[in-house]
Structures are given as structure tokens and as C-alpha cells.
Amino acid sequence: MALRPLLLRGITNLEKKRVLVIDDDKVILFTLSRVLANEGYDVDTAETGKEAIEKTNTARYDLALIDFRLPDIEGTSLLTSMRETTPRMVKIILTGYPTAENITDAATKNADGFIVKPVKMFELLKTIKDKLTSRDTSTTQRHEEPLKLVERVVAIGASAGGPRALEEILARLPADVSAAFVISQHMPNGFTKALAQRLGMISNLRVKEAEDGEMLRQGDVLIAPGGHNMEVTPGGRIRLERSNQAPSPSIDTMMKSTADSYGANTMGILLTGMLKDGAVGMRAIKEQGGITIVQNEASSVVYGMPKAALEAGAADFISDLSVIPSLIMNALDEIKHRN
């Protein structure tokens, strides 16, 4: 009996994409090949890293599903081997060992996604579709479309417990969100790039470490580099300055500059963390007519920063972490329609 498609197709450019499935488990190879072929993909397989490298050297693939542990090489090492020859190929790691160490290893070696075995087919197909669409959209915007001015900016501050909270939020935001995001997460220099890569693997948005002079784009998430303060200037340009003061990157600096540049079109979100950084920035956003949200105590690892903002009268909403993604979308709609 034929397998029924799990996702509506209706997008012709996805039906012709070439997918390479790399796994030494013949059952997984067979199952994934049938499901993907049934969804309209052109599927090829490889059982070892050596075979995968040979195939990617001689043929073009749009996406590869790579088992974390292959007989002759680890999947993350295979990412490094294929980096130069397949710069546009989307690479998704499949693993039954979803440890923080393995996820970080995959992120630092530029994996585009991370799927846990046993594979949930609907989740896998959605991830493949979203990642390919994101890649193609990014290429189109870069080469064919003029840069669109960002009208709304969401500024997020976090400290202790922040990386997990950011994962929870960014994993649940849609690719067509009508804003750009800037994030200041208290971290030392050298750690924020890996954080951005890790968040990019689980998000439908384009997540990266911010660069000085970079322009905001709708759907982008820019993370302040460790050891630098980030400002958003009028027109949506990023300004970075080295900082020797703690805590860093400064949440107040990022939020105040965003409020000055985008006024009532700014949203501020203050997540778990110690001390008081962010309270002044949230107040600046609120005074400009923007919308502010703080994480509640029950879902915070440390309630210092949200509590300080609340005591300063800088919070419009107090929310459990699980509700913040939907609050973001509702608030963005409110900002959009009141202009």
C-alpha cells in the first residue's frame, strides 16, 4: 500500500529537491527513503562517511540527513569534511544521543538542524521543508530583492538560565514573523557564536552573532557578541563596542538604543537572570509606547532581572516562559495594527 503524504505539497520547487540520507541502519535508510520519495524528493543514500563524501563530490544535493555515529566517522566530523564542497547543502544531524555536548558539537560545526531518534516523521518533514525554504528565501533576498526596512524590533535580554529560555522561545516562532530580533545574553567573549549556531538549528528564523555595521532584516535574530555592547541605530544598523564592564553584553544599552530608534514599534522581553540589568532599558521601551514582557518567577532560573523590571514599573505583562512565544506574536499584531 502506498504511503500517504504527511505534508501538503503544493510547492513545486520543493518537489525537485535532492536529499542524501546517510545512515548505516538499513531499516532507517529504507524507511526515510520511501517517506521522502513519497513527498516528492529525489532521494539517494549512503551507509558510510566515505561513500557520502564520494557522492557529494560528484553530485549536487540540496539537503543531507546525517547519522551522528557512522561506522567510519562521526557525523559531526563529516560536516567538517563536506563544508567546502557543499556550502549550500542543508545538513541535518540525526541522533539517538541528544546530549548538550553533542548538540553543541553539531552547532559549532555548522549543522543546520538536529533531529532526535526515533524520528517523528511529521517533525522531520517540517524541518526539511522549513530549512530548505529558509535557505532559498535567504538566497533570493540576498541576490534579487532590495533590503526591506525593518518596522518592528523585539529586544530580548537574558542572563543565568537564558540559553534554555531562548531555545524555548525561538523554536516556536514562525519563519514569517513580522519583526527583527536583537538579543543580549550575558556571556563571555567566545561563547555567543556557538549559542547563535545552536539556536539557529532549532529555529525557523535566521540566527547569527551580530557584526558591527550589519543591517537588521525582518526574520533575523542577532545576538550581541560576548564582551561587546550592542546598539541599534536609527535605520536599523548595528553598532558594537567593546566592554570591560560587567554584566556584558549590556541589556540596558541594547534596549535603550532600540527604544530611541524604533519608539512604539519596539518590544522588550526580559528573561531569567540575576542582578538588575534590563530594568532601565525596559522602562525606556515602555515610556516610548512599546510593549514589555517579563518572565515570571515560577519559570525563571533566577528571578533577579524580571523582578527588578517589575518593581521599576517597566512590565506590561508577566508571563510563564511557555506562553511568551504566543504573547510575542499577539503583541506584534497589536503594534502593527495600531500604526
C-alpha atoms as a PDB file:
ATOM      1  CA  MET A   1       0.000   0.000   0.000  1.00  0.00           C
ATOM      2  CA  ALA A   2       1.338   3.426  -0.931  1.00  0.00           C
ATOM      3  CA  LEU A   3       2.367   5.748   1.865  1.00  0.00           C
ATOM      4  CA  ARG A   4       0.122   8.770   2.177  1.00  0.00           C
ATOM      5  CA  PRO A   5       1.917  12.157   2.072  1.00  0.00           C
ATOM      6  CA  LEU A   6       2.316  13.623   5.545  1.00  0.00           C
ATOM      7  CA  LEU A   7       2.565  17.240   4.375  1.00  0.00           C
ATOM      8  CA  LEU A   8       0.676  19.094   1.691  1.00  0.00           C
ATOM      9  CA  ARG A   9       2.993  19.643  -1.241  1.00  0.00           C
ATOM     10  CA  GLY A  10       1.795  22.498  -3.407  1.00  0.00           C
ATOM     11  CA  ILE A  11       5.303  23.985  -3.630  1.00  0.00           C
ATOM     12  CA  THR A  12       6.848  22.815  -6.852  1.00  0.00           C
ATOM     13  CA  ASN A  13      10.396  23.891  -6.089  1.00  0.00           C
ATOM     14  CA  LEU A  14      10.474  21.565  -3.057  1.00  0.00           C
ATOM     15  CA  GLU A  15       9.312  18.553  -5.122  1.00  0.00           C
ATOM     16  CA  LYS A  16      12.548  18.523  -7.105  1.00  0.00           C
ATOM     17  CA  LYS A  17      14.998  18.860  -4.223  1.00  0.00           C
ATOM     18  CA  ARG A  18      17.691  16.201  -3.892  1.00  0.00           C
ATOM     19  CA  VAL A  19      18.189  14.613  -0.476  1.00  0.00           C
ATOM     20  CA  LEU A  20      21.070  12.378   0.619  1.00  0.00           C
ATOM     21  CA  VAL A  21      20.290  10.089   3.575  1.00  0.00           C
ATOM     22  CA  ILE A  22      23.471   8.949   5.368  1.00  0.00           C
ATOM     23  CA  ASP A  23      22.968   6.140   7.891  1.00  0.00           C
ATOM     24  CA  ASP A  24      24.375   2.652   8.433  1.00  0.00           C
ATOM     25  CA  ASP A  25      20.988   1.323   9.581  1.00  0.00           C
ATOM     26  CA  LYS A  26      19.348  -0.244   6.522  1.00  0.00           C
ATOM     27  CA  VAL A  27      15.873  -0.052   8.070  1.00  0.00           C
ATOM     28  CA  ILE A  28      16.229   3.692   8.620  1.00  0.00           C
ATOM     29  CA  LEU A  29      17.606   4.165   5.105  1.00  0.00           C
ATOM     30  CA  PHE A  30      14.692   2.261   3.596  1.00  0.00           C
ATOM     31  CA  THR A  31      12.026   3.993   5.698  1.00  0.00           C
ATOM     32  CA  LEU A  32      13.316   7.538   5.218  1.00  0.00           C
ATOM     33  CA  SER A  33      13.885   6.963   1.514  1.00  0.00           C
ATOM     34  CA  ARG A  34      10.301   5.810   0.978  1.00  0.00           C
ATOM     35  CA  VAL A  35       8.769   8.628   3.007  1.00  0.00           C
ATOM     36  CA  LEU A  36      10.867  11.324   1.349  1.00  0.00           C
ATOM     37  CA  ALA A  37      10.289   9.933  -2.142  1.00  0.00           C
ATOM     38  CA  ASN A  38       6.577   9.876  -1.420  1.00  0.00           C
ATOM     39  CA  GLU A  39       6.823  13.583  -0.533  1.00  0.00           C
ATOM     40  CA  GLY A  40       8.323  14.352  -3.940  1.00  0.00           C
ATOM     41  CA  TYR A  41      12.030  14.456  -3.100  1.00  0.00           C
ATOM     42  CA  ASP A  42      14.746  12.846  -5.229  1.00  0.00           C
ATOM     43  CA  VAL A  43      16.450  10.565  -2.673  1.00  0.00           C
ATOM     44  CA  ASP A  44      19.898   8.988  -2.617  1.00  0.00           C
ATOM     45  CA  THR A  45      21.544   7.035   0.207  1.00  0.00           C
ATOM     46  CA  ALA A  46      24.959   6.330   1.706  1.00  0.00           C
ATOM     47  CA  GLU A  47      25.909   3.910   4.508  1.00  0.00           C
ATOM     48  CA  THR A  48      29.346   5.334   5.384  1.00  0.00           C
ATOM     49  CA  GLY A  49      31.063   8.683   5.565  1.00  0.00           C
ATOM     50  CA  LYS A  50      33.409   7.679   2.770  1.00  0.00           C
ATOM     51  CA  GLU A  51      30.500   6.851   0.471  1.00  0.00           C
ATOM     52  CA  ALA A  52      28.787  10.133   1.380  1.00  0.00           C
ATOM     53  CA  ILE A  53      31.879  12.174   0.574  1.00  0.00           C
ATOM     54  CA  GLU A  54      32.299  10.396  -2.765  1.00  0.00           C
ATOM     55  CA  LYS A  55      28.685  11.120  -3.687  1.00  0.00           C
ATOM     56  CA  THR A  56      28.750  14.794  -2.659  1.00  0.00           C
ATOM     57  CA  ASN A  57      31.981  15.253  -4.628  1.00  0.00           C
ATOM     58  CA  THR A  58      30.323  14.066  -7.836  1.00  0.00           C
ATOM     59  CA  ALA A  59      26.678  15.148  -7.462  1.00  0.00           C
ATOM     60  CA  ARG A  60      24.737  18.102  -6.096  1.00  0.00           C
ATOM     61  CA  TYR A  61      22.374  17.632  -3.159  1.00  0.00           C
ATOM     62  CA  ASP A  62      20.103  20.203  -1.545  1.00  0.00           C
ATOM     63  CA  LEU A  63      19.978  18.524   1.852  1.00  0.00           C
ATOM     64  CA  ALA A  64      21.663  15.708   3.771  1.00  0.00           C
ATOM     65  CA  LEU A  65      20.348  13.749   6.744  1.00  0.00           C
ATOM     66  CA  ILE A  66      23.442  12.580   8.606  1.00  0.00           C
ATOM     67  CA  ASP A  67      23.557   9.929  11.322  1.00  0.00           C
ATOM     68  CA  PHE A  68      25.597  11.142  14.292  1.00  0.00           C
ATOM     69  CA  ARG A  69      27.562   7.894  14.520  1.00  0.00           C
ATOM     70  CA  LEU A  70      28.666   6.211  11.297  1.00  0.00           C
ATOM     71  CA  PRO A  71      30.950   3.139  11.047  1.00  0.00           C
ATOM     72  CA  ASP A  72      33.952   5.075   9.773  1.00  0.00           C
ATOM     73  CA  ILE A  73      33.411   8.646  11.011  1.00  0.00           C
ATOM     74  CA  GLU A  74      31.254  10.688  13.365  1.00  0.00           C
ATOM     75  CA  GLY A  75      28.549  12.709  11.660  1.00  0.00           C
ATOM     76  CA  THR A  76      29.890  15.981  13.040  1.00  0.00           C
ATOM     77  CA  SER A  77      33.317  15.228  11.567  1.00  0.00           C
ATOM     78  CA  LEU A  78      31.600  14.534   8.261  1.00  0.00           C
ATOM     79  CA  LEU A  79      30.141  18.050   8.439  1.00  0.00           C
ATOM     80  CA  THR A  80      33.675  19.432   8.502  1.00  0.00           C
ATOM     81  CA  SER A  81      34.779  17.217   5.621  1.00  0.00           C
ATOM     82  CA  MET A  82      31.889  18.336   3.405  1.00  0.00           C
ATOM     83  CA  ARG A  83      31.932  22.031   4.346  1.00  0.00           C
ATOM     84  CA  GLU A  84      33.979  23.324   1.395  1.00  0.00           C
ATOM     85  CA  THR A  85      32.441  21.120  -1.301  1.00  0.00           C
ATOM     86  CA  THR A  86      28.792  21.584  -0.243  1.00  0.00           C
ATOM     87  CA  PRO A  87      28.420  25.178   1.026  1.00  0.00           C
ATOM     88  CA  ARG A  88      24.715  25.441   0.127  1.00  0.00           C
ATOM     89  CA  MET A  89      23.656  21.947   1.140  1.00  0.00           C
ATOM     90  CA  VAL A  90      21.454  21.925   4.246  1.00  0.00           C
ATOM     91  CA  LYS A  91      22.890  19.468   6.793  1.00  0.00           C
ATOM     92  CA  ILE A  92      20.701  17.909   9.497  1.00  0.00           C
ATOM     93  CA  ILE A  93      22.113  15.579  12.153  1.00  0.00           C
ATOM     94  CA  LEU A  94      20.097  12.527  13.268  1.00  0.00           C
ATOM     95  CA  THR A  95      20.986  11.069  16.644  1.00  0.00           C
ATOM     96  CA  GLY A  96      19.795   8.860  19.449  1.00  0.00           C
ATOM     97  CA  TYR A  97      22.224  10.657  21.793  1.00  0.00           C
ATOM     98  CA  PRO A  98      20.803  14.193  22.256  1.00  0.00           C
ATOM     99  CA  THR A  99      23.263  15.358  24.917  1.00  0.00           C
ATOM    100  CA  ALA A 100      24.144  19.034  25.337  1.00  0.00           C
ATOM    101  CA  GLU A 101      27.728  18.173  24.326  1.00  0.00           C
ATOM    102  CA  ASN A 102      26.583  16.544  21.070  1.00  0.00           C
ATOM    103  CA  ILE A 103      24.227  19.409  20.200  1.00  0.00           C
ATOM    104  CA  THR A 104      26.972  21.972  20.831  1.00  0.00           C
ATOM    105  CA  ASP A 105      29.435  19.919  18.775  1.00  0.00           C
ATOM    106  CA  ALA A 106      26.993  19.846  15.854  1.00  0.00           C
ATOM    107  CA  ALA A 107      26.288  23.570  16.167  1.00  0.00           C
ATOM    108  CA  THR A 108      29.940  24.595  16.189  1.00  0.00           C
ATOM    109  CA  LYS A 109      30.498  22.534  13.033  1.00  0.00           C
ATOM    110  CA  ASN A 110      27.677  24.344  11.217  1.00  0.00           C
ATOM    111  CA  ALA A 111      24.896  21.771  11.286  1.00  0.00           C
ATOM    112  CA  ASP A 112      21.612  23.322  10.181  1.00  0.00           C
ATOM    113  CA  GLY A 113      19.377  21.090  12.266  1.00  0.00           C
ATOM    114  CA  PHE A 114      19.308  18.390  14.921  1.00  0.00           C
ATOM    115  CA  ILE A 115      16.658  15.629  14.958  1.00  0.00           C
ATOM    116  CA  VAL A 116      16.385  13.092  17.783  1.00  0.00           C
ATOM    117  CA  LYS A 117      15.794   9.404  17.074  1.00  0.00           C
ATOM    118  CA  PRO A 118      13.375   7.691  16.983  1.00  0.00           C
ATOM    119  CA  VAL A 119      12.432  10.090  14.218  1.00  0.00           C
ATOM    120  CA  LYS A 120       8.965  11.607  14.228  1.00  0.00           C
ATOM    121  CA  MET A 121       8.176  11.783  10.535  1.00  0.00           C
ATOM    122  CA  PHE A 122       5.971  14.856  10.619  1.00  0.00           C
ATOM    123  CA  GLU A 123       8.605  16.746  12.611  1.00  0.00           C
ATOM    124  CA  LEU A 124      11.346  15.627  10.216  1.00  0.00           C
ATOM    125  CA  LEU A 125       9.403  16.622   7.103  1.00  0.00           C
ATOM    126  CA  LYS A 126       8.505  20.005   8.574  1.00  0.00           C
ATOM    127  CA  THR A 127      12.151  20.633   9.494  1.00  0.00           C
ATOM    128  CA  ILE A 128      13.320  19.697   5.992  1.00  0.00           C
ATOM    129  CA  LYS A 129      10.742  21.928   4.366  1.00  0.00           C
ATOM    130  CA  ASP A 130      11.437  24.881   6.685  1.00  0.00           C
ATOM    131  CA  LYS A 131      15.227  24.648   6.346  1.00  0.00           C
ATOM    132  CA  LEU A 132      15.120  24.426   2.545  1.00  0.00           C
ATOM    133  CA  THR A 133      12.632  27.281   2.334  1.00  0.00           C
ATOM    134  CA  SER A 134      14.795  29.390   4.656  1.00  0.00           C
ATOM    135  CA  ARG A 135      17.891  28.697   2.554  1.00  0.00           C
ATOM    136  CA  ASP A 136      16.157  29.520  -0.724  1.00  0.00           C
ATOM    137  CA  THR A 137      14.484  32.632   0.698  1.00  0.00           C
ATOM    138  CA  SER A 138      17.792  33.865   2.088  1.00  0.00           C
ATOM    139  CA  THR A 139      19.462  33.400  -1.298  1.00  0.00           C
ATOM    140  CA  THR A 140      16.634  35.202  -3.102  1.00  0.00           C
ATOM    141  CA  GLN A 141      16.681  38.124  -0.695  1.00  0.00           C
ATOM    142  CA  ARG A 142      20.453  38.399  -0.938  1.00  0.00           C
ATOM    143  CA  HIS A 143      20.649  38.384  -4.741  1.00  0.00           C
ATOM    144  CA  GLU A 144      17.296  39.535  -6.114  1.00  0.00           C
ATOM    145  CA  GLU A 145      15.363  41.672  -3.649  1.00  0.00           C
ATOM    146  CA  PRO A 146      16.183  45.091  -2.221  1.00  0.00           C
ATOM    147  CA  LEU A 147      16.733  45.145   1.539  1.00  0.00           C
ATOM    148  CA  LYS A 148      13.408  45.776   3.301  1.00  0.00           C
ATOM    149  CA  LEU A 149      13.418  48.251   6.138  1.00  0.00           C
ATOM    150  CA  VAL A 150      12.508  46.689   9.462  1.00  0.00           C
ATOM    151  CA  GLU A 151       9.458  48.288  11.026  1.00  0.00           C
ATOM    152  CA  ARG A 152       9.327  46.414  14.351  1.00  0.00           C
ATOM    153  CA  VAL A 153      12.121  45.191  16.637  1.00  0.00           C
ATOM    154  CA  VAL A 154      11.970  42.758  19.555  1.00  0.00           C
ATOM    155  CA  ALA A 155      14.788  43.269  22.085  1.00  0.00           C
ATOM    156  CA  ILE A 156      15.405  40.304  24.407  1.00  0.00           C
ATOM    157  CA  GLY A 157      17.659  40.297  27.458  1.00  0.00           C
ATOM    158  CA  ALA A 158      18.744  37.212  29.396  1.00  0.00           C
ATOM    159  CA  SER A 159      21.358  36.046  31.881  1.00  0.00           C
ATOM    160  CA  ALA A 160      21.511  32.923  34.086  1.00  0.00           C
ATOM    161  CA  GLY A 161      19.240  30.278  32.544  1.00  0.00           C
ATOM    162  CA  GLY A 162      18.907  32.360  29.403  1.00  0.00           C
ATOM    163  CA  PRO A 163      20.110  29.902  26.727  1.00  0.00           C
ATOM    164  CA  ARG A 164      17.399  27.365  27.576  1.00  0.00           C
ATOM    165  CA  ALA A 165      14.759  30.107  27.741  1.00  0.00           C
ATOM    166  CA  LEU A 166      15.856  31.449  24.347  1.00  0.00           C
ATOM    167  CA  GLU A 167      15.586  27.941  22.894  1.00  0.00           C
ATOM    168  CA  GLU A 168      12.016  27.674  24.159  1.00  0.00           C
ATOM    169  CA  ILE A 169      11.048  30.958  22.535  1.00  0.00           C
ATOM    170  CA  LEU A 170      12.886  30.817  19.210  1.00  0.00           C
ATOM    171  CA  ALA A 171      11.884  27.213  18.479  1.00  0.00           C
ATOM    172  CA  ARG A 172       8.219  28.242  18.494  1.00  0.00           C
ATOM    173  CA  LEU A 173       8.287  31.397  16.393  1.00  0.00           C
ATOM    174  CA  PRO A 174       7.195  31.110  12.731  1.00  0.00           C
ATOM    175  CA  ALA A 175       9.501  31.970   9.838  1.00  0.00           C
ATOM    176  CA  ASP A 176       7.196  34.785   8.688  1.00  0.00           C
ATOM    177  CA  VAL A 177       7.303  36.727  11.961  1.00  0.00           C
ATOM    178  CA  SER A 178       6.954  40.452  11.204  1.00  0.00           C
ATOM    179  CA  ALA A 179       9.935  41.768  13.173  1.00  0.00           C
ATOM    180  CA  ALA A 180      13.671  41.606  13.664  1.00  0.00           C
ATOM    181  CA  PHE A 181      15.121  40.372  16.968  1.00  0.00           C
ATOM    182  CA  VAL A 182      18.143  41.556  18.918  1.00  0.00           C
ATOM    183  CA  ILE A 183      19.403  39.625  21.933  1.00  0.00           C
ATOM    184  CA  SER A 184      21.852  40.425  24.703  1.00  0.00           C
ATOM    185  CA  GLN A 185      22.687  37.290  26.684  1.00  0.00           C
ATOM    186  CA  HIS A 186      25.242  37.732  29.464  1.00  0.00           C
ATOM    187  CA  MET A 187      28.163  35.595  28.247  1.00  0.00           C
ATOM    188  CA  PRO A 188      31.943  35.871  27.961  1.00  0.00           C
ATOM    189  CA  ASN A 189      33.627  36.542  24.652  1.00  0.00           C
ATOM    190  CA  GLY A 190      33.889  33.402  22.520  1.00  0.00           C
ATOM    191  CA  PHE A 191      30.687  31.701  23.669  1.00  0.00           C
ATOM    192  CA  THR A 192      27.959  33.642  21.894  1.00  0.00           C
ATOM    193  CA  LYS A 193      28.810  32.427  18.390  1.00  0.00           C
ATOM    194  CA  ALA A 194      28.206  28.807  19.443  1.00  0.00           C
ATOM    195  CA  LEU A 195      24.988  29.918  21.142  1.00  0.00           C
ATOM    196  CA  ALA A 196      23.806  31.563  17.924  1.00  0.00           C
ATOM    197  CA  GLN A 197      24.628  28.434  15.917  1.00  0.00           C
ATOM    198  CA  ARG A 198      22.808  26.220  18.385  1.00  0.00           C
ATOM    199  CA  LEU A 199      19.714  28.442  18.405  1.00  0.00           C
ATOM    200  CA  GLY A 200      19.776  28.583  14.608  1.00  0.00           C
ATOM    201  CA  MET A 201      19.494  24.804  14.475  1.00  0.00           C
ATOM    202  CA  ILE A 202      16.169  24.753  16.326  1.00  0.00           C
ATOM    203  CA  SER A 203      14.658  27.973  14.967  1.00  0.00           C
ATOM    204  CA  ASN A 204      12.796  28.817  11.762  1.00  0.00           C
ATOM    205  CA  LEU A 205      14.475  32.224  11.863  1.00  0.00           C
ATOM    206  CA  ARG A 206      17.970  33.225  10.749  1.00  0.00           C
ATOM    207  CA  VAL A 207      20.047  33.360  13.933  1.00  0.00           C
ATOM    208  CA  LYS A 208      23.609  34.676  13.966  1.00  0.00           C
ATOM    209  CA  GLU A 209      26.127  36.564  16.059  1.00  0.00           C
ATOM    210  CA  ALA A 210      25.829  40.271  15.273  1.00  0.00           C
ATOM    211  CA  GLU A 211      28.513  42.139  13.322  1.00  0.00           C
ATOM    212  CA  ASP A 212      29.349  45.811  13.573  1.00  0.00           C
ATOM    213  CA  GLY A 213      27.583  47.794  10.829  1.00  0.00           C
ATOM    214  CA  GLU A 214      25.171  44.980   9.991  1.00  0.00           C
ATOM    215  CA  MET A 215      21.622  45.917   8.988  1.00  0.00           C
ATOM    216  CA  LEU A 216      18.568  44.403  10.646  1.00  0.00           C
ATOM    217  CA  ARG A 217      16.326  42.303   8.419  1.00  0.00           C
ATOM    218  CA  GLN A 218      12.842  41.019   9.110  1.00  0.00           C
ATOM    219  CA  GLY A 219      13.054  37.481  10.469  1.00  0.00           C
ATOM    220  CA  ASP A 220      16.670  37.893  11.608  1.00  0.00           C
ATOM    221  CA  VAL A 221      17.842  37.219  15.147  1.00  0.00           C
ATOM    222  CA  LEU A 222      21.117  38.969  16.004  1.00  0.00           C
ATOM    223  CA  ILE A 223      22.955  38.065  19.208  1.00  0.00           C
ATOM    224  CA  ALA A 224      25.390  40.529  20.773  1.00  0.00           C
ATOM    225  CA  PRO A 225      28.928  39.082  20.845  1.00  0.00           C
ATOM    226  CA  GLY A 226      30.306  38.350  24.293  1.00  0.00           C
ATOM    227  CA  GLY A 227      32.437  41.198  25.609  1.00  0.00           C
ATOM    228  CA  HIS A 228      30.636  43.769  23.435  1.00  0.00           C
ATOM    229  CA  ASN A 229      27.688  46.083  23.956  1.00  0.00           C
ATOM    230  CA  MET A 230      25.236  46.251  21.064  1.00  0.00           C
ATOM    231  CA  GLU A 231      23.216  49.285  19.993  1.00  0.00           C
ATOM    232  CA  VAL A 232      20.511  49.584  17.334  1.00  0.00           C
ATOM    233  CA  THR A 233      20.764  52.877  15.458  1.00  0.00           C
ATOM    234  CA  PRO A 234      18.003  54.691  13.525  1.00  0.00           C
ATOM    235  CA  GLY A 235      17.505  52.894  10.225  1.00  0.00           C
ATOM    236  CA  GLY A 236      18.316  49.528  11.762  1.00  0.00           C
ATOM    237  CA  ARG A 237      22.096  49.409  11.739  1.00  0.00           C
ATOM    238  CA  ILE A 238      24.008  47.524  14.456  1.00  0.00           C
ATOM    239  CA  ARG A 239      26.786  49.246  16.389  1.00  0.00           C
ATOM    240  CA  LEU A 240      29.144  47.162  18.548  1.00  0.00           C
ATOM    241  CA  GLU A 241      31.575  48.466  21.169  1.00  0.00           C
ATOM    242  CA  ARG A 242      33.954  46.507  23.352  1.00  0.00           C
ATOM    243  CA  SER A 243      33.014  46.460  27.018  1.00  0.00           C
ATOM    244  CA  ASN A 244      35.161  45.711  30.043  1.00  0.00           C
ATOM    245  CA  GLN A 245      32.296  46.228  32.458  1.00  0.00           C
ATOM    246  CA  ALA A 246      30.083  43.539  33.934  1.00  0.00           C
ATOM    247  CA  PRO A 247      27.488  42.418  33.201  1.00  0.00           C
ATOM    248  CA  SER A 248      28.135  42.216  29.494  1.00  0.00           C
ATOM    249  CA  PRO A 249      26.715  42.438  26.880  1.00  0.00           C
ATOM    250  CA  SER A 250      24.606  45.198  28.446  1.00  0.00           C
ATOM    251  CA  ILE A 251      20.864  44.630  28.144  1.00  0.00           C
ATOM    252  CA  ASP A 252      20.080  48.230  29.138  1.00  0.00           C
ATOM    253  CA  THR A 253      22.313  49.614  26.371  1.00  0.00           C
ATOM    254  CA  MET A 254      20.661  47.443  23.712  1.00  0.00           C
ATOM    255  CA  MET A 255      17.105  48.171  24.858  1.00  0.00           C
ATOM    256  CA  LYS A 256      17.556  51.929  25.316  1.00  0.00           C
ATOM    257  CA  SER A 257      19.065  52.327  21.842  1.00  0.00           C
ATOM    258  CA  THR A 258      16.300  50.214  20.284  1.00  0.00           C
ATOM    259  CA  ALA A 259      13.630  52.294  22.033  1.00  0.00           C
ATOM    260  CA  ASP A 260      15.293  55.508  20.835  1.00  0.00           C
ATOM    261  CA  SER A 261      15.440  54.214  17.258  1.00  0.00           C
ATOM    262  CA  TYR A 262      12.087  52.420  16.926  1.00  0.00           C
ATOM    263  CA  GLY A 263       9.904  54.047  19.595  1.00  0.00           C
ATOM    264  CA  ALA A 264       6.488  52.460  19.977  1.00  0.00           C
ATOM    265  CA  ASN A 265       7.426  49.801  17.416  1.00  0.00           C
ATOM    266  CA  THR A 266       9.756  48.209  19.973  1.00  0.00           C
ATOM    267  CA  MET A 267       9.006  45.201  22.149  1.00  0.00           C
ATOM    268  CA  GLY A 268      11.150  44.387  25.174  1.00  0.00           C
ATOM    269  CA  ILE A 269      11.388  40.941  26.765  1.00  0.00           C
ATOM    270  CA  LEU A 270      13.357  40.348  29.951  1.00  0.00           C
ATOM    271  CA  LEU A 271      14.095  36.737  30.808  1.00  0.00           C
ATOM    272  CA  THR A 272      15.657  34.868  33.711  1.00  0.00           C
ATOM    273  CA  GLY A 273      18.813  36.302  35.250  1.00  0.00           C
ATOM    274  CA  MET A 274      20.448  37.802  38.308  1.00  0.00           C
ATOM    275  CA  LEU A 275      21.092  41.466  39.166  1.00  0.00           C
ATOM    276  CA  LYS A 276      19.114  44.353  37.606  1.00  0.00           C
ATOM    277  CA  ASP A 277      20.361  44.730  34.032  1.00  0.00           C
ATOM    278  CA  GLY A 278      17.446  45.419  31.702  1.00  0.00           C
ATOM    279  CA  ALA A 279      15.153  47.265  34.111  1.00  0.00           C
ATOM    280  CA  VAL A 280      16.220  50.699  32.792  1.00  0.00           C
ATOM    281  CA  GLY A 281      16.014  49.524  29.169  1.00  0.00           C
ATOM    282  CA  MET A 282      12.537  48.054  29.661  1.00  0.00           C
ATOM    283  CA  ARG A 283      11.421  51.316  31.232  1.00  0.00           C
ATOM    284  CA  ALA A 284      12.730  53.218  28.201  1.00  0.00           C
ATOM    285  CA  ILE A 285      10.743  50.966  25.855  1.00  0.00           C
ATOM    286  CA  LYS A 286       7.570  51.374  27.923  1.00  0.00           C
ATOM    287  CA  GLU A 287       7.956  55.163  28.022  1.00  0.00           C
ATOM    288  CA  GLN A 288       8.227  55.207  24.218  1.00  0.00           C
ATOM    289  CA  GLY A 289       4.914  53.360  23.956  1.00  0.00           C
ATOM    290  CA  GLY A 290       6.377  49.939  23.224  1.00  0.00           C
ATOM    291  CA  ILE A 291       5.258  46.666  24.787  1.00  0.00           C
ATOM    292  CA  THR A 292       7.227  44.951  27.571  1.00  0.00           C
ATOM    293  CA  ILE A 293       7.114  41.372  28.877  1.00  0.00           C
ATOM    294  CA  VAL A 294       8.941  39.816  31.829  1.00  0.00           C
ATOM    295  CA  GLN A 295       9.304  36.108  32.588  1.00  0.00           C
ATOM    296  CA  ASN A 296       7.505  35.017  35.750  1.00  0.00           C
ATOM    297  CA  GLU A 297       9.244  33.696  38.835  1.00  0.00           C
ATOM    298  CA  ALA A 298       7.933  30.148  38.509  1.00  0.00           C
ATOM    299  CA  SER A 299       9.613  29.564  35.141  1.00  0.00           C
ATOM    300  CA  SER A 300      12.785  31.583  35.830  1.00  0.00           C
ATOM    301  CA  VAL A 301      16.055  30.003  36.937  1.00  0.00           C
ATOM    302  CA  VAL A 302      16.926  33.289  38.681  1.00  0.00           C
ATOM    303  CA  TYR A 303      14.237  35.931  39.178  1.00  0.00           C
ATOM    304  CA  GLY A 304      16.519  38.937  39.723  1.00  0.00           C
ATOM    305  CA  MET A 305      16.220  40.797  36.396  1.00  0.00           C
ATOM    306  CA  PRO A 306      12.486  40.234  35.802  1.00  0.00           C
ATOM    307  CA  LYS A 307      11.744  41.227  39.421  1.00  0.00           C
ATOM    308  CA  ALA A 308      13.799  44.427  39.094  1.00  0.00           C
ATOM    309  CA  ALA A 309      11.892  45.437  35.949  1.00  0.00           C
ATOM    310  CA  LEU A 310       8.591  44.652  37.610  1.00  0.00           C
ATOM    311  CA  GLU A 311       9.488  46.745  40.678  1.00  0.00           C
ATOM    312  CA  ALA A 312      10.513  49.607  38.371  1.00  0.00           C
ATOM    313  CA  GLY A 313       7.050  49.606  36.790  1.00  0.00           C
ATOM    314  CA  ALA A 314       8.556  48.598  33.457  1.00  0.00           C
ATOM    315  CA  ALA A 315       6.467  45.488  32.690  1.00  0.00           C
ATOM    316  CA  ASP A 316       3.215  45.386  30.748  1.00  0.00           C
ATOM    317  CA  PHE A 317       2.929  41.594  31.032  1.00  0.00           C
ATOM    318  CA  ILE A 318       4.266  38.931  33.422  1.00  0.00           C
ATOM    319  CA  SER A 319       4.302  35.559  31.693  1.00  0.00           C
ATOM    320  CA  ASP A 320       5.309  31.954  32.070  1.00  0.00           C
ATOM    321  CA  LEU A 321       8.079  31.114  29.619  1.00  0.00           C
ATOM    322  CA  SER A 322       5.831  28.692  27.707  1.00  0.00           C
ATOM    323  CA  VAL A 323       3.374  31.490  26.867  1.00  0.00           C
ATOM    324  CA  ILE A 324       5.904  34.114  25.747  1.00  0.00           C
ATOM    325  CA  PRO A 325       6.069  32.978  22.064  1.00  0.00           C
ATOM    326  CA  SER A 326       2.319  33.458  21.600  1.00  0.00           C
ATOM    327  CA  LEU A 327       2.483  36.763  23.507  1.00  0.00           C
ATOM    328  CA  ILE A 328       5.171  37.955  21.083  1.00  0.00           C
ATOM    329  CA  MET A 329       3.003  37.175  18.065  1.00  0.00           C
ATOM    330  CA  ASN A 330      -0.093  38.826  19.583  1.00  0.00           C
ATOM    331  CA  ALA A 331       1.852  41.903  20.639  1.00  0.00           C
ATOM    332  CA  LEU A 332       3.429  42.267  17.187  1.00  0.00           C
ATOM    333  CA  ASP A 333      -0.055  42.170  15.635  1.00  0.00           C
ATOM    334  CA  GLU A 334      -1.182  44.883  18.060  1.00  0.00           C
ATOM    335  CA  ILE A 335       1.814  47.072  17.239  1.00  0.00           C
ATOM    336  CA  LYS A 336       1.283  46.534  13.503  1.00  0.00           C
ATOM    337  CA  HIS A 337      -2.412  47.452  13.534  1.00  0.00           C
ATOM    338  CA  ARG A 338      -2.194  50.480  15.812  1.00  0.00           C
ATOM    339  CA  ASN A 339       0.226  52.268  13.449  1.00  0.00           C
END
